[in-house]
Amino acid sequence: MSKCTADETPVCCCMDVGTIMDNTDCTASYSRVFANKAQAQETLAALTEKARAAESEPCQITSTFTDEADGVRLDIDFLFACQAEALIFQLGLR
């Protein structure tokens, strides 16, 4: 199967899951500016808890706080063991 074309089943308009999820993107990222660092830290704790609920193996979480003119920017990268976990985590935030 070519990576450039979807392998569809004409009867039900379905695609092979490997067409959508090829396990190459296991990272979920988050970025937002908060009024203060305390609010950013609360969000980091809440998102870490959600990531831990989605992981099968320990998720690598990298966060940075950056002072900006209008507050504190929180940037987080969540590196999961597989793309399905990253997707579950992202859907859980909606």
N, C-alpha and C. Protein backbone atom coordinates (compact mmCIF):
# COMPACT_ATOMS: atom_id res chain seq x y z
N MET A 1 0.85 -1.19 0.00
CA MET A 1 0.00 0.00 0.00
C MET A 1 0.89 1.25 0.00
N SER A 2 0.57 2.18 -0.82
CA SER A 2 1.31 3.43 -0.91
C SER A 2 0.89 4.37 0.21
N LYS A 3 1.83 5.12 0.75
CA LYS A 3 1.51 6.09 1.80
C LYS A 3 0.73 7.28 1.26
N CYS A 4 0.72 7.45 -0.06
CA CYS A 4 0.08 8.61 -0.67
C CYS A 4 -1.40 8.40 -0.96
N THR A 5 -1.87 7.17 -0.92
CA THR A 5 -3.27 6.93 -1.23
C THR A 5 -3.93 6.14 -0.12
N ALA A 6 -5.18 6.43 0.13
CA ALA A 6 -5.95 5.70 1.13
C ALA A 6 -6.53 4.45 0.49
N ASP A 7 -6.48 3.36 1.21
CA ASP A 7 -7.01 2.10 0.72
C ASP A 7 -8.44 1.98 1.24
N GLU A 8 -9.41 2.42 0.44
CA GLU A 8 -10.80 2.45 0.87
C GLU A 8 -11.55 1.20 0.47
N THR A 9 -12.53 0.85 1.30
CA THR A 9 -13.44 -0.24 0.98
C THR A 9 -14.69 0.39 0.41
N PRO A 10 -15.05 0.13 -0.85
CA PRO A 10 -16.16 0.82 -1.50
C PRO A 10 -17.52 0.58 -0.83
N VAL A 11 -17.71 -0.54 -0.20
CA VAL A 11 -19.02 -0.87 0.37
C VAL A 11 -19.37 0.02 1.54
N CYS A 12 -18.43 0.24 2.45
CA CYS A 12 -18.77 1.00 3.66
C CYS A 12 -18.00 2.31 3.79
N CYS A 13 -17.25 2.70 2.76
CA CYS A 13 -16.46 3.93 2.80
C CYS A 13 -15.50 3.96 3.99
N CYS A 14 -14.89 2.83 4.29
CA CYS A 14 -13.95 2.71 5.40
C CYS A 14 -12.52 2.77 4.87
N MET A 15 -11.59 3.14 5.75
CA MET A 15 -10.17 3.15 5.42
C MET A 15 -9.45 2.23 6.37
N ASP A 16 -8.35 1.69 5.91
CA ASP A 16 -7.49 0.90 6.76
C ASP A 16 -6.92 1.81 7.84
N VAL A 17 -6.91 1.38 9.10
CA VAL A 17 -6.43 2.20 10.20
C VAL A 17 -4.98 2.61 9.98
N GLY A 18 -4.18 1.75 9.36
CA GLY A 18 -2.79 2.08 9.08
C GLY A 18 -2.62 3.26 8.15
N THR A 19 -3.66 3.59 7.41
CA THR A 19 -3.62 4.75 6.52
C THR A 19 -3.63 6.04 7.34
N ILE A 20 -4.33 6.02 8.45
CA ILE A 20 -4.48 7.21 9.29
C ILE A 20 -3.43 7.24 10.40
N MET A 21 -3.24 6.11 11.06
CA MET A 21 -2.32 6.02 12.19
C MET A 21 -1.17 5.09 11.83
N ASP A 22 -0.02 5.65 11.51
CA ASP A 22 1.13 4.83 11.15
C ASP A 22 2.19 4.80 12.25
N ASN A 23 1.84 5.31 13.43
CA ASN A 23 2.68 5.30 14.63
C ASN A 23 3.96 6.12 14.47
N THR A 24 3.92 7.14 13.61
CA THR A 24 5.08 8.01 13.45
C THR A 24 4.96 9.29 14.28
N ASP A 25 3.74 9.66 14.69
CA ASP A 25 3.54 10.88 15.46
C ASP A 25 2.98 10.52 16.83
N CYS A 26 3.87 10.33 17.79
CA CYS A 26 3.47 9.93 19.15
C CYS A 26 3.50 11.11 20.11
N THR A 27 3.67 12.32 19.59
CA THR A 27 3.78 13.51 20.44
C THR A 27 2.51 14.36 20.35
N ALA A 28 2.04 14.78 21.52
CA ALA A 28 0.95 15.75 21.61
C ALA A 28 1.55 17.01 22.25
N SER A 29 1.26 18.17 21.68
CA SER A 29 1.83 19.42 22.18
C SER A 29 0.71 20.35 22.66
N TYR A 30 1.07 21.19 23.62
CA TYR A 30 0.13 22.16 24.20
C TYR A 30 0.89 23.45 24.43
N SER A 31 0.25 24.60 24.14
CA SER A 31 0.86 25.90 24.36
C SER A 31 -0.22 26.92 24.67
N ARG A 32 -0.01 27.70 25.72
CA ARG A 32 -0.99 28.72 26.10
C ARG A 32 -0.33 29.75 27.01
N VAL A 33 -0.81 30.99 26.94
CA VAL A 33 -0.34 32.04 27.83
C VAL A 33 -1.33 32.20 28.98
N PHE A 34 -0.80 32.20 30.21
CA PHE A 34 -1.62 32.35 31.42
C PHE A 34 -1.29 33.68 32.08
N ALA A 35 -2.21 34.15 32.91
CA ALA A 35 -2.01 35.42 33.61
C ALA A 35 -0.83 35.35 34.58
N ASN A 36 -0.63 34.17 35.19
CA ASN A 36 0.48 34.02 36.14
C ASN A 36 0.98 32.57 36.14
N LYS A 37 2.13 32.36 36.78
CA LYS A 37 2.76 31.04 36.77
C LYS A 37 1.95 30.01 37.55
N ALA A 38 1.24 30.44 38.59
CA ALA A 38 0.44 29.51 39.39
C ALA A 38 -0.65 28.86 38.54
N GLN A 39 -1.30 29.65 37.69
CA GLN A 39 -2.33 29.09 36.80
C GLN A 39 -1.71 28.11 35.80
N ALA A 40 -0.53 28.46 35.30
CA ALA A 40 0.16 27.59 34.35
C ALA A 40 0.54 26.27 35.02
N GLN A 41 1.00 26.33 36.26
CA GLN A 41 1.39 25.12 36.98
C GLN A 41 0.17 24.23 37.28
N GLU A 42 -0.97 24.84 37.57
CA GLU A 42 -2.21 24.07 37.79
C GLU A 42 -2.60 23.32 36.52
N THR A 43 -2.49 23.99 35.39
CA THR A 43 -2.82 23.36 34.10
C THR A 43 -1.83 22.24 33.79
N LEU A 44 -0.56 22.47 34.07
CA LEU A 44 0.45 21.42 33.85
C LEU A 44 0.11 20.19 34.69
N ALA A 45 -0.26 20.38 35.93
CA ALA A 45 -0.61 19.25 36.80
C ALA A 45 -1.84 18.50 36.27
N ALA A 46 -2.86 19.25 35.83
CA ALA A 46 -4.08 18.62 35.31
C ALA A 46 -3.81 17.84 34.03
N LEU A 47 -3.02 18.42 33.13
CA LEU A 47 -2.71 17.74 31.87
C LEU A 47 -1.81 16.54 32.10
N THR A 48 -0.91 16.63 33.07
CA THR A 48 -0.06 15.49 33.41
C THR A 48 -0.90 14.33 33.91
N GLU A 49 -1.90 14.63 34.72
CA GLU A 49 -2.80 13.59 35.23
C GLU A 49 -3.57 12.92 34.08
N LYS A 50 -4.04 13.71 33.12
CA LYS A 50 -4.75 13.16 31.96
C LYS A 50 -3.81 12.30 31.10
N ALA A 51 -2.57 12.74 30.95
CA ALA A 51 -1.60 11.96 30.17
C ALA A 51 -1.31 10.63 30.86
N ARG A 52 -1.18 10.64 32.16
CA ARG A 52 -0.92 9.42 32.92
C ARG A 52 -2.08 8.43 32.78
N ALA A 53 -3.29 8.94 32.64
CA ALA A 53 -4.46 8.08 32.48
C ALA A 53 -4.48 7.41 31.10
N ALA A 54 -3.84 8.03 30.11
CA ALA A 54 -3.86 7.51 28.73
C ALA A 54 -2.66 6.62 28.41
N GLU A 55 -1.62 6.68 29.24
CA GLU A 55 -0.38 5.98 28.91
C GLU A 55 -0.42 4.49 29.25
N SER A 56 0.30 3.70 28.44
CA SER A 56 0.51 2.29 28.76
C SER A 56 1.91 2.11 29.33
N GLU A 57 2.83 2.92 28.84
CA GLU A 57 4.19 3.02 29.36
C GLU A 57 4.39 4.48 29.75
N PRO A 58 5.34 4.77 30.64
CA PRO A 58 5.51 6.16 31.07
C PRO A 58 5.66 7.15 29.91
N CYS A 59 4.81 8.15 29.93
CA CYS A 59 4.82 9.23 28.95
C CYS A 59 5.92 10.21 29.34
N GLN A 60 6.73 10.62 28.37
CA GLN A 60 7.78 11.61 28.64
C GLN A 60 7.16 13.00 28.48
N ILE A 61 7.18 13.78 29.56
CA ILE A 61 6.55 15.10 29.56
C ILE A 61 7.64 16.16 29.72
N THR A 62 7.71 17.06 28.75
CA THR A 62 8.68 18.15 28.77
C THR A 62 7.92 19.47 28.77
N SER A 63 8.15 20.28 29.80
CA SER A 63 7.44 21.56 29.89
C SER A 63 8.41 22.71 30.08
N THR A 64 8.01 23.88 29.57
CA THR A 64 8.79 25.11 29.77
C THR A 64 7.84 26.25 30.08
N PHE A 65 8.29 27.11 30.97
CA PHE A 65 7.56 28.33 31.31
C PHE A 65 8.38 29.50 30.79
N THR A 66 7.74 30.41 30.04
CA THR A 66 8.42 31.55 29.48
C THR A 66 7.67 32.82 29.85
N ASP A 67 8.35 33.77 30.47
CA ASP A 67 7.72 35.05 30.80
C ASP A 67 7.49 35.84 29.52
N GLU A 68 6.28 36.36 29.39
CA GLU A 68 5.91 37.20 28.25
C GLU A 68 5.28 38.48 28.77
N ALA A 69 5.08 39.44 27.89
CA ALA A 69 4.52 40.74 28.29
C ALA A 69 3.14 40.60 28.93
N ASP A 70 2.34 39.66 28.42
CA ASP A 70 0.97 39.54 28.94
C ASP A 70 0.79 38.35 29.88
N GLY A 71 1.89 37.75 30.37
CA GLY A 71 1.77 36.66 31.32
C GLY A 71 2.89 35.64 31.19
N VAL A 72 2.54 34.38 31.43
CA VAL A 72 3.50 33.28 31.38
C VAL A 72 3.04 32.27 30.35
N ARG A 73 3.90 31.95 29.39
CA ARG A 73 3.57 30.95 28.38
C ARG A 73 4.01 29.58 28.89
N LEU A 74 3.09 28.62 28.80
CA LEU A 74 3.38 27.23 29.13
C LEU A 74 3.40 26.44 27.83
N ASP A 75 4.51 25.79 27.54
CA ASP A 75 4.65 24.89 26.39
C ASP A 75 4.92 23.50 26.94
N ILE A 76 4.16 22.52 26.46
CA ILE A 76 4.33 21.14 26.92
C ILE A 76 4.34 20.21 25.72
N ASP A 77 5.25 19.24 25.75
CA ASP A 77 5.26 18.15 24.79
C ASP A 77 5.07 16.85 25.57
N PHE A 78 4.11 16.05 25.14
CA PHE A 78 3.84 14.75 25.73
C PHE A 78 4.25 13.70 24.70
N LEU A 79 5.26 12.90 25.01
CA LEU A 79 5.72 11.86 24.10
C LEU A 79 5.21 10.51 24.62
N PHE A 80 4.24 9.95 23.89
CA PHE A 80 3.62 8.69 24.28
C PHE A 80 4.33 7.52 23.62
N ALA A 81 4.06 6.31 24.12
CA ALA A 81 4.67 5.09 23.57
C ALA A 81 4.13 4.77 22.18
N CYS A 82 2.90 5.20 21.89
CA CYS A 82 2.32 4.95 20.56
C CYS A 82 1.36 6.07 20.18
N GLN A 83 1.06 6.15 18.90
CA GLN A 83 0.22 7.22 18.38
C GLN A 83 -1.22 7.12 18.91
N ALA A 84 -1.70 5.91 19.16
CA ALA A 84 -3.07 5.75 19.67
C ALA A 84 -3.22 6.43 21.03
N GLU A 85 -2.21 6.31 21.89
CA GLU A 85 -2.28 6.96 23.20
C GLU A 85 -2.29 8.48 23.06
N ALA A 86 -1.49 9.00 22.14
CA ALA A 86 -1.48 10.45 21.91
C ALA A 86 -2.85 10.92 21.43
N LEU A 87 -3.46 10.14 20.55
CA LEU A 87 -4.78 10.48 20.03
C LEU A 87 -5.84 10.42 21.13
N ILE A 88 -5.79 9.38 21.96
CA ILE A 88 -6.73 9.27 23.09
C ILE A 88 -6.59 10.45 24.02
N PHE A 89 -5.35 10.84 24.31
CA PHE A 89 -5.10 12.00 25.17
C PHE A 89 -5.68 13.26 24.57
N GLN A 90 -5.42 13.49 23.27
CA GLN A 90 -5.90 14.70 22.62
C GLN A 90 -7.43 14.73 22.56
N LEU A 91 -8.06 13.61 22.27
CA LEU A 91 -9.52 13.57 22.23
C LEU A 91 -10.12 13.80 23.61
N GLY A 92 -9.42 13.38 24.65
CA GLY A 92 -9.89 13.58 26.01
C GLY A 92 -9.87 15.04 26.43
N LEU A 93 -9.14 15.87 25.73
CA LEU A 93 -9.06 17.30 26.06
C LEU A 93 -10.18 18.11 25.42
N ARG A 94 -10.91 17.49 24.50
CA ARG A 94 -11.98 18.22 23.79
C ARG A 94 -13.25 18.25 24.58
